[in-house]
Amino acid sequence: MPLGTERRLGHARLWHRRPAAGDPRPPVLLVHGGYHGAWCWDYWAERLAAVGREVAALDLRGHGGLPQPPGYAEAGVMDFAGDVVAGIDALDRPAVVVGHSLGCLLVPLAATQRPTAGLLLACPSPPGNLPGARKVPLVPEGAPVPPLPAEIARTRYAIHLSDAELADLAAKLCPESPRLLNERYDLRIPVDPAAIGAPVLVVEGGRDDPERHPAGQDAAIARFYGGDHIRLDDAPHDLMLGPGSDRWFDAVWARMDALLARA
């Protein structure tokens, strides 16, 4: 992801672009979800940088072309949340930390350990202690889970993409830690919402995969964190990619900036 400077943070990697001049707004840290990498934020990063925001994007360990570290298949939610903490620590001041999908479990956990300016949770995985959250069938453990084939990726992530765009997306997906997936799928990891001292916005995609994001769950996540909720009726799971991403970006950041202004 050609976003400013590249910095290794242990097993993770941070891409960081500072504004040309001092900007009073908090920096933005972008955190991807399962199978993805910092590349999925290219459009959002460019849009944020274009209006003078300091922006950084994180490649979690074993993602975005990074090598899988020893024990990758046994790395769990708290290990990956540690990568997010390292990303927060690498910035000079509290950031608006943006998570997508499984990244939305890592981001609140990191925010219980470090001050943040706000959290933006897009198409979120639920915390394990969310009342009524739906479990997902587990995957076999012992070895990394292969990337999703294109047709499954279409259903789960990107029903709005053309065949060529979908093939490009599928080629970028990477193997995932089964421990990470199962700790999310089995709802094993709770989050203490009282330990997050920042405003929270939850973004729901109206065309998300209903097996993993059943009706009402994203709104319940917003209530759990005491945050705001916005539903984008025509948005898929990977709402930062492909046709429509400009409209969804505008809607999300208009709401997020208004939330930050009230904080």
Foldseek 3Di string as FASTA:
>chain_A
DPADDWDDDPLKIKRWDAFPDDDPAFAEEEEEAAQAAQVLCVQVSVVCNVVRHIYMYMGFGPAPPGNHDPPQLVDALVNRLVSVLSVQVVDPDAEAYEYAALRQQSVLQSLLVDAHAEYEYEQYQAALPQPPAAADDADDGDDFAAQDDLVVCCQAFNVPDDPVVSVVRSVRGGTHRSNHVNCSRVNVGHGDLVSRPYAYEYEAELSHNCSRVPPPPSVSRCVNNVHHYDYDNHAYRSLCDDPPVVVVSVVRVVVVVVRSVVD
